[in-house]
Amino acid sequence: MYSGNQVKNQILASNLVNYSCRLKPGERIWIEAVGTEGLSLVDDIVKEVYKAGGVPFVNIVHEKIQRSWLNGATEEQIKFLAKYDVLKMEEMQAYIRVSAMSNQAELSDVPDDKRAMYQLFYNKPVNTDVRVPKTKWVVLTYPSAGSAQQAGKSSEAYEEFFYNVCNMDYKKMGEAMDKLVNVMRKTDKVTIKGPGCDFSFSIKDIPVIKCDGINNIPDGEVFTAPVKNSVNGYVTFNAPSNFQGYTFENIKLEFKDGKIINASANDTERINKILNTDDGARYVGEFAIGVNPYITQPAKNTLFDEKIAGSFHFTPGSCYDEAPNGNKSAIHWDMVCIQTPEYGGGEMYFDGELVRQNGIFVHPELVVLNPENLIG
């Protein structure tokens, strides 16, 4: 990390502890570092937790060691680990994960059955069933050599991008998001069209949630879920998607009555294995609209890419408890489509009314969310 970013690091740590996690005196917080390049931020987070009167617990996971462990892990072994981490997570009031892997593809050659076992027997009970609904949590990806390289940027340029995005005025954006929340709450049918996209679904009576820096840094999305059996048509995702250590490109999904009946990508066999993890993996648990004005192109990192201004994402797998549609799965896979002119454009309609064209809101109540109104 460049020395000039030390103050920005301290500001970010304070925001994570005091704004994102709203940590109170006496509350326990699990701080998890994935990779070692973000340990300077973890150090600042621990200090901020103590300043807030909290009780920190730190776990460090190295991706290379995790790969070796997963390659030999058995179902019994994974369940044993999950049993005790569930007990630990249930005793936490907050959770922060800092991901800073030097090699983003380190887990790409872990066998499919091992990854599926880990998702089902560890990730689901520990994270999906306990951490997400029962703690004040936030996850972020910290700048590393691997993430900068994956984004196609120099280390210095990537760090500048990172701090612009992560230390922006989330309160201002959150107030503007309220407009979109109100419009979506009144909406039944959503239709999206564009290159490789022509599909529709209902969001009637599903809660609508704004994300303004509480659970993710960076942040900048408004999400809900489709009525489970309402999705019909096809969608192509033009942003690369890194999932389970592999970068998928040109993902295309075809839906009938909510279910993915056809799926293709640069590795069609691999994507279908993931979508066959369980029954819920072929249904969608989330629909969200990205609005962060500082994120304009893919960084091949879902935590950034799903917030791209002018994008939307659709999520095979489990829904969130805040916006339930009844779909449960060990999978939750955010797939991103960008509709700005540089990526082919497209239209989004709510109940037949055009609300966004080529990534720019045209609905009069929603223009406050266009980039020129959020920056500065």
Protein backbone atom coordinates (compact mmCIF):
# COMPACT_ATOMS: atom_id res chain seq x y z
CA MET A 1 0.00 0.00 0.00
CA TYR A 2 1.30 3.47 -0.87
CA SER A 3 2.04 5.56 2.26
CA GLY A 4 -0.25 8.30 0.98
CA ASN A 5 -3.18 5.96 1.43
CA GLN A 6 -2.62 5.36 5.14
CA VAL A 7 -5.08 8.06 6.17
CA LYS A 8 -7.63 6.76 3.64
CA ASN A 9 -7.15 3.29 5.13
CA GLN A 10 -7.94 4.59 8.60
CA ILE A 11 -11.04 6.38 7.31
CA LEU A 12 -12.19 3.17 5.61
CA ALA A 13 -11.64 1.13 8.79
CA SER A 14 -13.66 3.64 10.79
CA ASN A 15 -16.47 3.56 8.22
CA LEU A 16 -16.56 -0.25 8.25
CA VAL A 17 -16.76 -0.47 12.04
CA ASN A 18 -18.93 2.55 12.85
CA TYR A 19 -21.10 3.03 9.75
CA SER A 20 -21.38 -0.40 8.12
CA CYS A 21 -21.46 -2.51 11.31
CA ARG A 22 -22.82 0.15 13.72
CA LEU A 23 -20.70 -1.56 16.37
CA LYS A 24 -21.73 -0.90 19.97
CA PRO A 25 -19.66 -1.28 23.16
CA GLY A 26 -19.40 -4.90 24.25
CA GLU A 27 -20.39 -6.36 20.87
CA ARG A 28 -18.30 -9.21 19.48
CA ILE A 29 -17.08 -9.02 15.88
CA TRP A 30 -15.47 -11.70 13.69
CA ILE A 31 -12.88 -10.14 11.38
CA GLU A 32 -11.84 -12.50 8.59
CA ALA A 33 -8.90 -11.86 6.26
CA VAL A 34 -8.82 -13.91 3.05
CA GLY A 35 -5.30 -13.54 1.70
CA THR A 36 -2.58 -11.55 3.41
CA GLU A 37 -2.30 -8.36 1.33
CA GLY A 38 -5.07 -6.66 3.31
CA LEU A 39 -3.59 -7.15 6.77
CA SER A 40 -2.76 -3.44 7.10
CA LEU A 41 -6.49 -2.70 6.87
CA VAL A 42 -7.30 -5.56 9.26
CA ASP A 43 -4.87 -4.01 11.75
CA ASP A 44 -6.68 -0.66 11.48
CA ILE A 45 -10.05 -2.40 11.84
CA VAL A 46 -8.97 -4.11 15.08
CA LYS A 47 -7.87 -0.73 16.46
CA GLU A 48 -11.18 0.86 15.47
CA VAL A 49 -13.11 -1.97 17.11
CA TYR A 50 -11.31 -1.36 20.39
CA LYS A 51 -11.95 2.40 20.06
CA ALA A 52 -15.67 1.60 19.70
CA GLY A 53 -15.58 -0.61 22.80
CA GLY A 54 -16.08 -3.80 20.78
CA VAL A 55 -14.48 -7.23 21.16
CA PRO A 56 -12.59 -8.36 18.01
CA PHE A 57 -11.80 -11.93 16.93
CA VAL A 58 -9.53 -12.39 13.91
CA ASN A 59 -9.26 -15.30 11.46
CA ILE A 60 -6.72 -15.32 8.61
CA VAL A 61 -7.17 -17.61 5.60
CA HIS A 62 -4.46 -17.94 2.94
CA GLU A 63 -5.83 -18.94 -0.45
CA LYS A 64 -2.95 -21.31 -1.26
CA ILE A 65 -3.39 -23.19 2.01
CA GLN A 66 -7.16 -23.17 1.53
CA ARG A 67 -6.66 -24.80 -1.87
CA SER A 68 -4.57 -27.59 -0.36
CA TRP A 69 -7.10 -28.09 2.41
CA LEU A 70 -10.08 -28.22 0.03
CA ASN A 71 -8.36 -30.65 -2.34
CA GLY A 72 -8.21 -33.26 0.40
CA ALA A 73 -11.27 -32.35 2.45
CA THR A 74 -14.01 -34.90 3.11
CA GLU A 75 -17.71 -34.24 3.67
CA GLU A 76 -17.33 -35.25 7.32
CA GLN A 77 -14.39 -32.89 7.76
CA ILE A 78 -16.23 -29.91 6.20
CA LYS A 79 -19.31 -30.57 8.34
CA PHE A 80 -17.11 -30.78 11.45
CA LEU A 81 -15.55 -27.38 10.70
CA ALA A 82 -18.96 -25.87 9.96
CA LYS A 83 -20.39 -27.20 13.23
CA TYR A 84 -17.96 -25.17 15.30
CA ASP A 85 -17.90 -22.10 13.07
CA VAL A 86 -21.72 -21.97 13.27
CA LEU A 87 -21.40 -21.91 17.08
CA LYS A 88 -18.81 -19.14 16.80
CA MET A 89 -20.87 -17.11 14.33
CA GLU A 90 -23.97 -17.39 16.51
CA GLU A 91 -22.04 -15.65 19.30
CA MET A 92 -21.08 -12.70 17.07
CA GLN A 93 -23.01 -9.48 16.67
CA ALA A 94 -20.97 -8.31 13.64
CA TYR A 95 -18.68 -9.62 10.92
CA ILE A 96 -16.18 -8.03 8.51
CA ARG A 97 -14.42 -9.93 5.71
CA VAL A 98 -11.43 -8.39 3.94
CA SER A 99 -10.52 -10.32 0.80
CA ALA A 100 -7.09 -9.58 -0.66
CA MET A 101 -5.85 -12.61 -2.55
CA SER A 102 -2.59 -12.37 -4.47
CA ASN A 103 -3.91 -14.94 -6.97
CA GLN A 104 -7.62 -14.57 -7.72
CA ALA A 105 -7.63 -17.91 -9.56
CA GLU A 106 -5.96 -19.96 -6.81
CA LEU A 107 -9.04 -22.12 -6.25
CA SER A 108 -9.90 -22.55 -9.93
CA ASP A 109 -8.65 -26.14 -10.16
CA VAL A 110 -10.24 -27.39 -6.95
CA PRO A 111 -12.46 -30.30 -8.07
CA ASP A 112 -16.11 -29.42 -8.67
CA ASP A 113 -17.35 -31.92 -6.09
CA LYS A 114 -15.11 -30.40 -3.41
CA ARG A 115 -16.36 -26.87 -4.17
CA ALA A 116 -19.96 -28.07 -4.14
CA MET A 117 -19.44 -29.80 -0.78
CA TYR A 118 -17.95 -26.64 0.69
CA GLN A 119 -20.83 -24.51 -0.56
CA LEU A 120 -23.45 -26.91 0.75
CA PHE A 121 -21.95 -28.05 4.04
CA TYR A 122 -19.94 -25.00 5.12
CA ASN A 123 -20.95 -21.82 3.31
CA LYS A 124 -24.69 -22.41 3.63
CA PRO A 125 -24.89 -23.19 7.37
CA VAL A 126 -22.24 -20.68 8.44
CA ASN A 127 -22.87 -17.74 6.11
CA THR A 128 -26.26 -18.10 4.41
CA ASP A 129 -28.12 -19.42 7.48
CA VAL A 130 -26.38 -17.56 10.32
CA ARG A 131 -24.05 -14.73 9.33
CA VAL A 132 -26.27 -13.04 6.74
CA PRO A 133 -29.57 -12.98 8.69
CA LYS A 134 -28.20 -12.71 12.24
CA THR A 135 -25.19 -10.36 12.24
CA LYS A 136 -24.37 -6.84 11.15
CA TRP A 137 -21.97 -7.77 8.37
CA VAL A 138 -19.91 -6.17 5.64
CA VAL A 139 -17.53 -7.68 3.09
CA LEU A 140 -15.02 -5.98 0.82
CA THR A 141 -12.17 -6.74 -1.55
CA TYR A 142 -8.99 -4.86 -0.66
CA PRO A 143 -6.47 -3.84 -3.34
CA SER A 144 -3.91 -6.54 -4.06
CA ALA A 145 -1.54 -7.26 -6.91
CA GLY A 146 -3.99 -9.93 -8.06
CA SER A 147 -7.07 -7.70 -8.03
CA ALA A 148 -5.25 -4.86 -9.81
CA GLN A 149 -4.01 -7.24 -12.49
CA GLN A 150 -7.45 -8.79 -12.86
CA ALA A 151 -8.96 -5.32 -13.35
CA GLY A 152 -6.30 -4.46 -15.95
CA LYS A 153 -4.95 -1.52 -13.91
CA SER A 154 -1.63 -0.55 -12.38
CA SER A 155 -1.42 -0.97 -8.61
CA GLU A 156 -1.49 2.80 -8.06
CA ALA A 157 -4.42 3.37 -10.42
CA TYR A 158 -6.39 0.53 -8.84
CA GLU A 159 -5.81 1.86 -5.33
CA GLU A 160 -6.99 5.33 -6.39
CA PHE A 161 -10.11 3.77 -7.93
CA PHE A 162 -10.67 1.67 -4.80
CA TYR A 163 -10.57 4.58 -2.34
CA ASN A 164 -12.74 6.82 -4.56
CA VAL A 165 -15.39 4.10 -4.59
CA CYS A 166 -15.14 2.94 -0.99
CA ASN A 167 -14.91 6.34 0.72
CA MET A 168 -17.60 8.11 -1.33
CA ASP A 169 -20.59 9.88 0.25
CA TYR A 170 -22.84 6.87 0.83
CA LYS A 171 -25.33 8.92 2.83
CA LYS A 172 -26.02 11.14 -0.21
CA MET A 173 -26.42 8.14 -2.48
CA GLY A 174 -28.64 6.42 0.07
CA GLU A 175 -31.05 9.35 0.12
CA ALA A 176 -31.28 9.30 -3.69
CA MET A 177 -31.87 5.53 -3.62
CA ASP A 178 -35.08 6.06 -1.64
CA LYS A 179 -36.71 7.28 -4.87
CA LEU A 180 -35.94 4.01 -6.67
CA VAL A 181 -37.12 1.97 -3.70
CA ASN A 182 -40.48 3.77 -3.77
CA VAL A 183 -40.94 3.28 -7.53
CA MET A 184 -40.02 -0.41 -7.38
CA ARG A 185 -42.41 -1.04 -4.50
CA LYS A 186 -45.27 0.02 -6.76
CA THR A 187 -44.07 -2.15 -9.67
CA ASP A 188 -45.45 -5.52 -10.74
CA LYS A 189 -43.84 -6.45 -14.08
CA VAL A 190 -40.22 -5.73 -15.02
CA THR A 191 -39.15 -6.10 -18.65
CA ILE A 192 -35.54 -5.82 -19.79
CA LYS A 193 -34.39 -5.70 -23.40
CA GLY A 194 -31.05 -5.27 -25.11
CA PRO A 195 -28.39 -7.21 -27.01
CA GLY A 196 -28.96 -10.84 -26.06
CA CYS A 197 -31.69 -9.88 -23.56
CA ASP A 198 -35.44 -10.10 -23.76
CA PHE A 199 -37.03 -11.27 -20.54
CA SER A 200 -39.63 -10.30 -17.98
CA PHE A 201 -40.69 -11.16 -14.45
CA SER A 202 -42.82 -9.91 -11.56
CA ILE A 203 -41.56 -8.27 -8.37
CA LYS A 204 -45.05 -7.69 -6.97
CA ASP A 205 -45.21 -7.68 -3.17
CA ILE A 206 -41.51 -8.56 -2.77
CA PRO A 207 -39.68 -6.13 -0.42
CA VAL A 208 -37.24 -3.67 -2.01
CA ILE A 209 -33.97 -2.96 -0.20
CA LYS A 210 -31.38 -0.24 -0.75
CA CYS A 211 -27.69 -1.01 -0.21
CA ASP A 212 -25.78 2.13 0.71
CA GLY A 213 -22.63 0.92 2.43
CA ILE A 214 -24.04 -1.23 5.22
CA ASN A 215 -23.36 -4.81 4.00
CA ASN A 216 -20.87 -4.22 1.19
CA ILE A 217 -18.06 -1.80 0.54
CA PRO A 218 -18.15 -0.70 -2.19
CA ASP A 219 -21.92 -0.43 -2.41
CA GLY A 220 -24.59 1.06 -4.60
CA GLU A 221 -27.51 -1.17 -5.54
CA VAL A 222 -31.21 -1.53 -4.92
CA PHE A 223 -32.38 -5.12 -4.80
CA THR A 224 -35.50 -7.23 -4.60
CA ALA A 225 -36.35 -10.69 -5.96
CA PRO A 226 -38.51 -11.97 -8.81
CA VAL A 227 -41.63 -13.90 -7.97
CA LYS A 228 -40.09 -17.36 -8.15
CA ASN A 229 -42.04 -18.81 -11.11
CA SER A 230 -42.50 -15.56 -13.04
CA VAL A 231 -39.26 -15.30 -15.06
CA ASN A 232 -39.54 -15.96 -18.79
CA GLY A 233 -37.23 -15.19 -21.69
CA TYR A 234 -33.48 -15.02 -22.04
CA VAL A 235 -30.62 -12.86 -20.77
CA THR A 236 -26.94 -12.56 -21.69
CA PHE A 237 -24.46 -11.19 -19.15
CA ASN A 238 -21.71 -9.06 -20.69
CA ALA A 239 -19.58 -8.66 -17.56
CA PRO A 240 -17.13 -11.45 -16.73
CA SER A 241 -18.12 -13.36 -13.59
CA ASN A 242 -15.54 -14.85 -11.26
CA PHE A 243 -17.22 -17.67 -9.32
CA GLN A 244 -15.59 -20.46 -7.35
CA GLY A 245 -12.18 -19.46 -8.68
CA TYR A 246 -13.10 -19.51 -12.39
CA THR A 247 -13.88 -16.55 -14.67
CA PHE A 248 -17.04 -17.15 -16.69
CA GLU A 249 -17.75 -15.06 -19.78
CA ASN A 250 -20.71 -14.66 -22.15
CA ILE A 251 -23.13 -16.36 -19.77
CA LYS A 252 -26.54 -16.84 -21.34
CA LEU A 253 -29.56 -18.13 -19.43
CA GLU A 254 -32.95 -19.10 -20.80
CA PHE A 255 -35.94 -19.19 -18.43
CA LYS A 256 -39.33 -20.84 -18.49
CA ASP A 257 -41.71 -20.23 -15.59
CA GLY A 258 -38.84 -19.17 -13.37
CA LYS A 259 -36.49 -22.08 -14.04
CA ILE A 260 -33.23 -21.94 -15.99
CA ILE A 261 -33.86 -24.47 -18.75
CA ASN A 262 -30.72 -23.69 -20.76
CA ALA A 263 -27.38 -22.24 -19.67
CA SER A 264 -24.23 -21.62 -21.70
CA ALA A 265 -20.92 -19.82 -21.21
CA ASN A 266 -17.25 -20.12 -22.12
CA ASP A 267 -17.39 -23.33 -20.07
CA THR A 268 -20.92 -24.66 -20.50
CA GLU A 269 -20.25 -27.92 -18.69
CA ARG A 270 -18.86 -26.14 -15.64
CA ILE A 271 -21.73 -23.66 -15.37
CA ASN A 272 -24.33 -26.40 -15.59
CA LYS A 273 -22.61 -28.39 -12.84
CA ILE A 274 -22.90 -25.36 -10.57
CA LEU A 275 -26.56 -24.82 -11.50
CA ASN A 276 -27.19 -28.48 -10.65
CA THR A 277 -25.91 -28.04 -7.08
CA ASP A 278 -29.48 -28.28 -5.79
CA ASP A 279 -33.04 -27.57 -6.96
CA GLY A 280 -32.91 -23.88 -6.01
CA ALA A 281 -29.78 -23.16 -8.04
CA ARG A 282 -31.83 -23.06 -11.27
CA TYR A 283 -34.22 -20.43 -9.89
CA VAL A 284 -33.43 -16.78 -9.19
CA GLY A 285 -33.16 -15.29 -5.70
CA GLU A 286 -32.30 -11.66 -6.46
CA PHE A 287 -32.80 -8.86 -8.98
CA ALA A 288 -30.83 -5.65 -8.43
CA ILE A 289 -30.04 -2.36 -10.14
CA GLY A 290 -26.51 -0.89 -9.89
CA VAL A 291 -26.07 2.86 -9.37
CA ASN A 292 -22.53 3.57 -8.07
CA PRO A 293 -21.25 6.48 -10.23
CA TYR A 294 -17.58 5.70 -9.59
CA ILE A 295 -17.82 2.18 -11.04
CA THR A 296 -18.22 2.26 -14.81
CA GLN A 297 -16.52 -0.90 -16.08
CA PRO A 298 -15.91 -4.44 -14.85
CA ALA A 299 -13.06 -5.15 -12.45
CA LYS A 300 -13.77 -8.91 -12.67
CA ASN A 301 -14.79 -8.70 -9.04
CA THR A 302 -18.49 -9.17 -8.28
CA LEU A 303 -18.45 -6.89 -5.22
CA PHE A 304 -17.52 -4.03 -7.56
CA ASP A 305 -19.15 -5.11 -10.81
CA GLU A 306 -22.67 -5.60 -9.41
CA LYS A 307 -22.72 -1.89 -8.47
CA ILE A 308 -21.76 -0.55 -11.91
CA ALA A 309 -23.87 2.49 -12.78
CA GLY A 310 -26.22 1.49 -15.59
CA SER A 311 -26.11 -2.22 -14.80
CA PHE A 312 -28.43 -4.81 -13.33
CA HIS A 313 -27.71 -8.21 -11.89
CA PHE A 314 -29.73 -11.39 -11.73
CA THR A 315 -28.87 -14.08 -9.22
CA PRO A 316 -29.38 -17.81 -9.59
CA GLY A 317 -29.75 -19.35 -6.15
CA SER A 318 -30.87 -18.37 -2.70
CA CYS A 319 -32.87 -15.26 -1.95
CA TYR A 320 -32.11 -12.93 0.94
CA ASP A 321 -34.34 -12.97 4.01
CA GLU A 322 -34.93 -9.23 3.55
CA ALA A 323 -36.51 -9.84 0.11
CA PRO A 324 -37.80 -13.43 0.23
CA ASN A 325 -39.32 -15.21 -2.75
CA GLY A 326 -39.16 -18.70 -1.26
CA ASN A 327 -36.06 -19.87 -3.16
CA LYS A 328 -33.35 -21.58 -1.12
CA SER A 329 -30.01 -22.90 -2.37
CA ALA A 330 -26.38 -23.33 -1.39
CA ILE A 331 -25.64 -21.07 -4.39
CA HIS A 332 -26.01 -17.28 -4.63
CA TRP A 333 -24.37 -16.16 -7.87
CA ASP A 334 -24.68 -12.52 -8.95
CA MET A 335 -24.43 -12.22 -12.74
CA VAL A 336 -24.02 -8.72 -14.17
CA CYS A 337 -25.28 -7.10 -17.37
CA ILE A 338 -24.20 -3.53 -18.21
CA GLN A 339 -26.60 -1.46 -20.33
CA THR A 340 -24.55 1.67 -20.97
CA PRO A 341 -23.85 2.56 -24.65
CA GLU A 342 -20.27 1.23 -24.40
CA TYR A 343 -21.71 -2.22 -23.65
CA GLY A 344 -24.49 -2.24 -26.21
CA GLY A 345 -27.21 -0.30 -24.38
CA GLY A 346 -30.65 -1.57 -23.50
CA GLU A 347 -33.98 -0.67 -21.93
CA MET A 348 -35.67 -1.38 -18.62
CA TYR A 349 -39.43 -1.08 -18.21
CA PHE A 350 -41.61 -1.08 -15.09
CA ASP A 351 -45.20 -2.06 -15.90
CA GLY A 352 -44.63 -1.07 -19.52
CA GLU A 353 -43.12 2.35 -18.75
CA LEU A 354 -39.53 3.03 -19.83
CA VAL A 355 -37.55 3.89 -16.68
CA ARG A 356 -33.94 3.48 -17.85
CA GLN A 357 -32.46 3.70 -21.33
CA ASN A 358 -28.85 2.90 -22.17
CA GLY A 359 -27.97 2.94 -18.48
CA ILE A 360 -29.47 6.39 -17.78
CA PHE A 361 -32.66 6.85 -15.76
CA VAL A 362 -35.36 8.65 -17.74
CA HIS A 363 -38.15 8.27 -15.19
CA PRO A 364 -38.57 11.79 -13.70
CA GLU A 365 -38.41 10.56 -10.10
CA LEU A 366 -35.19 8.63 -10.73
CA VAL A 367 -32.90 11.10 -12.52
CA VAL A 368 -31.37 11.93 -9.10
CA LEU A 369 -29.57 8.57 -9.38
CA ASN A 370 -27.77 9.40 -12.61
CA PRO A 371 -23.99 9.75 -12.18
CA GLU A 372 -23.82 13.52 -12.70
CA ASN A 373 -26.16 13.98 -9.73
CA LEU A 374 -24.24 11.71 -7.35
CA ILE A 375 -20.65 12.80 -7.94
CA GLY A 376 -19.39 15.88 -6.17
